[in-house]
Amino acid sequence: MKYFIFLLLTMISTHVLAQSTWHTSKVSEIYPLADGRLVVIFQSDHPNCTNGNSPNYYFVGEGYNGVTKVGFNNMYSALLTAGAAGKDVAINFDSSSPDCDINRLYVSFQ
């Protein structure tokens, strides 16, 4: 029973610590990493992404910030399309993590 309560509290506290933040910009660069994640660099940075890179690196990876394999593939496709078309992308990322892990995004074609 103690293990169950500890596990429950850990899951709740982890969820509370994540800081969901929105940012909109055009994609400047995308490159895949050997571990399967993507690094996305935007034309403008959000001040809450504090990973120390200049420009900031935003990461997308299966298993990071709730991203599934299908979600990863969909976001990769949308990022490539937006980058090629020069369209704005709005991302939702975890600003409490230095990796600024992206959880979801949308592309505006207007």
N, C-alpha and C. Protein backbone atom coordinates (compact mmCIF):
# COMPACT_ATOMS: atom_id res chain seq x y z
N MET A 1 0.82 -1.19 0.00
CA MET A 1 0.00 0.00 0.00
C MET A 1 0.87 1.26 0.00
N LYS A 2 1.95 1.24 0.79
CA LYS A 2 2.84 2.39 0.85
C LYS A 2 3.46 2.66 -0.52
N TYR A 3 3.82 1.57 -1.22
CA TYR A 3 4.40 1.71 -2.55
C TYR A 3 3.42 2.37 -3.51
N PHE A 4 2.17 1.97 -3.44
CA PHE A 4 1.13 2.54 -4.30
C PHE A 4 0.95 4.03 -4.04
N ILE A 5 0.90 4.42 -2.79
CA ILE A 5 0.73 5.83 -2.43
C ILE A 5 1.95 6.63 -2.88
N PHE A 6 3.15 6.08 -2.68
CA PHE A 6 4.36 6.76 -3.13
C PHE A 6 4.35 6.95 -4.64
N LEU A 7 3.97 5.90 -5.37
CA LEU A 7 3.91 5.97 -6.83
C LEU A 7 2.89 7.01 -7.27
N LEU A 8 1.74 7.03 -6.65
CA LEU A 8 0.70 8.00 -6.98
C LEU A 8 1.17 9.43 -6.73
N LEU A 9 1.79 9.67 -5.60
CA LEU A 9 2.30 11.02 -5.29
C LEU A 9 3.41 11.43 -6.25
N THR A 10 4.26 10.50 -6.63
CA THR A 10 5.32 10.80 -7.58
C THR A 10 4.75 11.20 -8.93
N MET A 11 3.74 10.47 -9.40
CA MET A 11 3.12 10.79 -10.69
C MET A 11 2.45 12.16 -10.64
N ILE A 12 1.77 12.46 -9.56
CA ILE A 12 1.09 13.75 -9.43
C ILE A 12 2.10 14.88 -9.37
N SER A 13 3.16 14.72 -8.57
CA SER A 13 4.15 15.79 -8.44
C SER A 13 4.91 16.01 -9.74
N THR A 14 5.17 14.96 -10.50
CA THR A 14 5.84 15.10 -11.79
C THR A 14 4.96 15.88 -12.75
N HIS A 15 3.68 15.60 -12.75
CA HIS A 15 2.75 16.30 -13.64
C HIS A 15 2.64 17.77 -13.24
N VAL A 16 2.67 18.06 -11.96
CA VAL A 16 2.54 19.44 -11.49
C VAL A 16 3.78 20.25 -11.85
N LEU A 17 4.96 19.64 -11.87
CA LEU A 17 6.19 20.37 -12.13
C LEU A 17 6.35 20.80 -13.59
N ALA A 18 5.73 20.11 -14.52
CA ALA A 18 5.85 20.47 -15.93
C ALA A 18 5.19 21.82 -16.18
N GLN A 19 5.87 22.67 -16.92
CA GLN A 19 5.36 24.00 -17.23
C GLN A 19 5.04 24.08 -18.71
N SER A 20 3.78 23.95 -19.04
CA SER A 20 3.33 23.98 -20.42
C SER A 20 3.37 25.42 -20.94
N THR A 21 4.11 25.65 -22.02
CA THR A 21 4.32 26.99 -22.56
C THR A 21 4.14 26.97 -24.07
N TRP A 22 3.47 27.97 -24.61
CA TRP A 22 3.27 28.08 -26.07
C TRP A 22 4.26 29.06 -26.67
N HIS A 23 4.70 28.76 -27.88
CA HIS A 23 5.63 29.62 -28.62
C HIS A 23 5.31 29.50 -30.11
N THR A 24 5.34 30.62 -30.82
CA THR A 24 5.07 30.61 -32.26
C THR A 24 6.22 31.27 -33.01
N SER A 25 6.70 30.58 -34.04
CA SER A 25 7.78 31.10 -34.87
C SER A 25 7.89 30.25 -36.13
N LYS A 26 8.72 30.67 -37.04
CA LYS A 26 9.02 29.88 -38.23
C LYS A 26 10.18 28.93 -37.92
N VAL A 27 10.18 27.76 -38.55
CA VAL A 27 11.24 26.78 -38.36
C VAL A 27 12.47 27.25 -39.12
N SER A 28 13.60 27.23 -38.45
CA SER A 28 14.87 27.60 -39.08
C SER A 28 15.67 26.35 -39.48
N GLU A 29 15.72 25.38 -38.56
CA GLU A 29 16.49 24.15 -38.80
C GLU A 29 15.83 22.98 -38.08
N ILE A 30 15.99 21.79 -38.67
CA ILE A 30 15.57 20.54 -38.03
C ILE A 30 16.69 19.53 -38.29
N TYR A 31 17.09 18.83 -37.24
CA TYR A 31 18.00 17.71 -37.50
C TYR A 31 17.75 16.58 -36.52
N PRO A 32 17.76 15.36 -37.04
CA PRO A 32 17.55 14.19 -36.19
C PRO A 32 18.83 13.81 -35.45
N LEU A 33 18.66 13.31 -34.24
CA LEU A 33 19.78 12.85 -33.43
C LEU A 33 19.86 11.33 -33.48
N ALA A 34 20.99 10.79 -33.10
CA ALA A 34 21.20 9.34 -33.12
C ALA A 34 20.27 8.60 -32.16
N ASP A 35 19.80 9.27 -31.10
CA ASP A 35 18.92 8.60 -30.14
C ASP A 35 17.45 8.61 -30.57
N GLY A 36 17.17 9.13 -31.78
CA GLY A 36 15.81 9.12 -32.31
C GLY A 36 15.05 10.41 -32.11
N ARG A 37 15.59 11.33 -31.31
CA ARG A 37 14.91 12.61 -31.12
C ARG A 37 15.25 13.57 -32.25
N LEU A 38 14.47 14.64 -32.32
CA LEU A 38 14.73 15.73 -33.26
C LEU A 38 15.12 16.97 -32.49
N VAL A 39 15.99 17.76 -33.06
CA VAL A 39 16.25 19.11 -32.56
C VAL A 39 15.58 20.05 -33.55
N VAL A 40 14.79 20.97 -33.01
CA VAL A 40 14.12 21.98 -33.84
C VAL A 40 14.64 23.34 -33.39
N ILE A 41 15.08 24.13 -34.36
CA ILE A 41 15.55 25.49 -34.08
C ILE A 41 14.61 26.44 -34.82
N PHE A 42 14.12 27.43 -34.10
CA PHE A 42 13.19 28.40 -34.66
C PHE A 42 13.88 29.73 -34.95
N GLN A 43 13.25 30.55 -35.76
CA GLN A 43 13.82 31.86 -36.09
C GLN A 43 13.85 32.78 -34.89
N SER A 44 12.92 32.59 -33.95
CA SER A 44 12.93 33.37 -32.72
C SER A 44 12.81 32.41 -31.54
N ASP A 45 13.41 32.79 -30.41
CA ASP A 45 13.40 31.96 -29.21
C ASP A 45 12.35 32.44 -28.21
N HIS A 46 11.90 31.53 -27.38
CA HIS A 46 11.02 31.88 -26.27
C HIS A 46 11.91 32.10 -25.04
N PRO A 47 11.66 33.15 -24.26
CA PRO A 47 12.53 33.42 -23.11
C PRO A 47 12.49 32.33 -22.03
N ASN A 48 11.45 31.49 -22.01
CA ASN A 48 11.35 30.44 -21.00
C ASN A 48 12.08 29.16 -21.38
N CYS A 49 12.63 29.10 -22.58
CA CYS A 49 13.45 27.95 -22.98
C CYS A 49 14.89 28.31 -22.61
N THR A 50 15.40 27.62 -21.62
CA THR A 50 16.68 28.04 -21.03
C THR A 50 17.75 26.95 -21.14
N ASN A 51 17.89 26.33 -22.30
CA ASN A 51 18.87 25.25 -22.41
C ASN A 51 20.29 25.73 -22.71
N GLY A 52 20.50 27.02 -22.86
CA GLY A 52 21.85 27.54 -23.00
C GLY A 52 22.40 27.57 -24.41
N ASN A 53 21.68 27.02 -25.36
CA ASN A 53 22.12 27.09 -26.75
C ASN A 53 21.66 28.40 -27.36
N SER A 54 22.40 28.87 -28.33
CA SER A 54 22.00 30.10 -29.01
C SER A 54 22.12 29.87 -30.51
N PRO A 55 21.01 29.78 -31.22
CA PRO A 55 19.62 29.86 -30.74
C PRO A 55 19.23 28.62 -29.94
N ASN A 56 18.10 28.73 -29.24
CA ASN A 56 17.62 27.64 -28.40
C ASN A 56 17.32 26.39 -29.21
N TYR A 57 17.56 25.23 -28.57
CA TYR A 57 17.19 23.94 -29.13
C TYR A 57 15.89 23.50 -28.46
N TYR A 58 14.94 23.09 -29.27
CA TYR A 58 13.69 22.50 -28.79
C TYR A 58 13.71 21.05 -29.28
N PHE A 59 13.36 20.12 -28.40
CA PHE A 59 13.47 18.71 -28.71
C PHE A 59 12.11 18.06 -28.88
N VAL A 60 12.04 17.07 -29.80
CA VAL A 60 10.87 16.22 -29.97
C VAL A 60 11.37 14.79 -29.91
N GLY A 61 10.79 13.98 -29.04
CA GLY A 61 11.22 12.60 -28.95
C GLY A 61 10.13 11.70 -28.41
N GLU A 62 10.08 10.50 -28.93
CA GLU A 62 9.13 9.51 -28.44
C GLU A 62 9.45 9.21 -26.96
N GLY A 63 8.43 9.29 -26.12
CA GLY A 63 8.60 9.04 -24.70
C GLY A 63 8.97 10.27 -23.90
N TYR A 64 9.15 11.39 -24.53
CA TYR A 64 9.48 12.64 -23.85
C TYR A 64 8.24 13.55 -23.83
N ASN A 65 7.87 14.00 -22.65
CA ASN A 65 6.75 14.93 -22.48
C ASN A 65 5.45 14.36 -23.08
N GLY A 66 5.26 13.06 -22.95
CA GLY A 66 4.03 12.42 -23.38
C GLY A 66 3.91 12.10 -24.86
N VAL A 67 4.99 12.23 -25.61
CA VAL A 67 4.94 12.01 -27.06
C VAL A 67 5.01 10.51 -27.38
N THR A 68 4.07 10.05 -28.20
CA THR A 68 4.05 8.66 -28.67
C THR A 68 4.75 8.57 -30.02
N LYS A 69 4.93 7.34 -30.51
CA LYS A 69 5.56 7.15 -31.82
C LYS A 69 4.74 7.80 -32.92
N VAL A 70 3.42 7.63 -32.88
CA VAL A 70 2.55 8.25 -33.88
C VAL A 70 2.61 9.76 -33.78
N GLY A 71 2.59 10.28 -32.55
CA GLY A 71 2.69 11.72 -32.35
C GLY A 71 4.01 12.28 -32.87
N PHE A 72 5.11 11.55 -32.60
CA PHE A 72 6.42 11.97 -33.10
C PHE A 72 6.41 12.06 -34.62
N ASN A 73 5.92 11.00 -35.28
CA ASN A 73 5.89 10.99 -36.75
C ASN A 73 5.03 12.12 -37.30
N ASN A 74 3.89 12.37 -36.68
CA ASN A 74 3.01 13.45 -37.13
C ASN A 74 3.67 14.82 -36.95
N MET A 75 4.33 15.03 -35.82
CA MET A 75 5.00 16.32 -35.59
C MET A 75 6.18 16.52 -36.53
N TYR A 76 6.94 15.46 -36.78
CA TYR A 76 8.07 15.53 -37.70
C TYR A 76 7.58 15.94 -39.09
N SER A 77 6.53 15.31 -39.53
CA SER A 77 5.94 15.63 -40.84
C SER A 77 5.44 17.07 -40.89
N ALA A 78 4.74 17.49 -39.85
CA ALA A 78 4.21 18.86 -39.82
C ALA A 78 5.34 19.89 -39.78
N LEU A 79 6.40 19.61 -39.03
CA LEU A 79 7.54 20.52 -38.97
C LEU A 79 8.24 20.65 -40.31
N LEU A 80 8.44 19.53 -41.00
CA LEU A 80 9.06 19.58 -42.32
C LEU A 80 8.19 20.35 -43.32
N THR A 81 6.91 20.12 -43.28
CA THR A 81 5.99 20.83 -44.17
C THR A 81 6.00 22.32 -43.90
N ALA A 82 5.91 22.69 -42.62
CA ALA A 82 5.92 24.11 -42.25
C ALA A 82 7.23 24.77 -42.63
N GLY A 83 8.34 24.08 -42.40
CA GLY A 83 9.64 24.64 -42.75
C GLY A 83 9.78 24.86 -44.24
N ALA A 84 9.36 23.88 -45.03
CA ALA A 84 9.44 24.00 -46.48
C ALA A 84 8.53 25.09 -47.03
N ALA A 85 7.38 25.27 -46.37
CA ALA A 85 6.41 26.27 -46.83
C ALA A 85 6.64 27.65 -46.21
N GLY A 86 7.55 27.75 -45.24
CA GLY A 86 7.82 29.03 -44.60
C GLY A 86 6.67 29.51 -43.72
N LYS A 87 5.94 28.58 -43.12
CA LYS A 87 4.77 28.92 -42.30
C LYS A 87 5.12 28.92 -40.82
N ASP A 88 4.34 29.67 -40.06
CA ASP A 88 4.50 29.70 -38.61
C ASP A 88 4.08 28.37 -38.00
N VAL A 89 4.80 27.98 -36.95
CA VAL A 89 4.47 26.80 -36.17
C VAL A 89 4.28 27.25 -34.72
N ALA A 90 3.18 26.84 -34.12
CA ALA A 90 2.96 27.09 -32.70
C ALA A 90 3.24 25.78 -31.98
N ILE A 91 4.16 25.82 -31.02
CA ILE A 91 4.53 24.62 -30.27
C ILE A 91 4.13 24.79 -28.82
N ASN A 92 3.87 23.66 -28.17
CA ASN A 92 3.68 23.63 -26.73
C ASN A 92 4.86 22.83 -26.18
N PHE A 93 5.64 23.45 -25.30
CA PHE A 93 6.83 22.78 -24.76
C PHE A 93 6.88 22.90 -23.25
N ASP A 94 7.68 22.03 -22.65
CA ASP A 94 7.87 22.01 -21.21
C ASP A 94 9.00 22.97 -20.85
N SER A 95 8.64 24.14 -20.34
CA SER A 95 9.66 25.15 -20.03
C SER A 95 10.37 24.87 -18.71
N SER A 96 9.94 23.85 -17.96
CA SER A 96 10.65 23.50 -16.73
C SER A 96 11.82 22.55 -17.02
N SER A 97 11.90 22.05 -18.25
CA SER A 97 12.97 21.15 -18.65
C SER A 97 13.99 21.92 -19.50
N PRO A 98 15.28 21.71 -19.29
CA PRO A 98 16.27 22.40 -20.13
C PRO A 98 16.23 21.95 -21.60
N ASP A 99 15.61 20.80 -21.87
CA ASP A 99 15.49 20.34 -23.26
C ASP A 99 14.32 20.97 -23.99
N CYS A 100 13.47 21.70 -23.29
CA CYS A 100 12.31 22.36 -23.91
C CYS A 100 11.56 21.36 -24.80
N ASP A 101 11.20 20.22 -24.21
CA ASP A 101 10.57 19.13 -24.95
C ASP A 101 9.19 19.53 -25.47
N ILE A 102 9.02 19.41 -26.77
CA ILE A 102 7.75 19.76 -27.43
C ILE A 102 6.76 18.63 -27.21
N ASN A 103 5.53 19.00 -26.85
CA ASN A 103 4.47 18.04 -26.61
C ASN A 103 3.45 18.00 -27.73
N ARG A 104 3.18 19.15 -28.34
CA ARG A 104 2.22 19.24 -29.44
C ARG A 104 2.50 20.51 -30.22
N LEU A 105 1.95 20.57 -31.43
CA LEU A 105 2.16 21.75 -32.27
C LEU A 105 1.05 21.85 -33.29
N TYR A 106 0.96 23.02 -33.88
CA TYR A 106 0.09 23.18 -35.04
C TYR A 106 0.72 24.18 -36.00
N VAL A 107 0.36 24.03 -37.26
CA VAL A 107 0.89 24.86 -38.33
C VAL A 107 -0.24 25.75 -38.84
N SER A 108 0.05 27.04 -38.97
CA SER A 108 -0.92 27.99 -39.49
C SER A 108 -0.61 28.22 -40.97
N PHE A 109 -1.56 27.93 -41.84
CA PHE A 109 -1.37 28.11 -43.28
C PHE A 109 -1.99 29.41 -43.79
N GLN A 110 -2.34 30.30 -42.89
CA GLN A 110 -2.94 31.57 -43.32
C GLN A 110 -1.90 32.65 -43.39
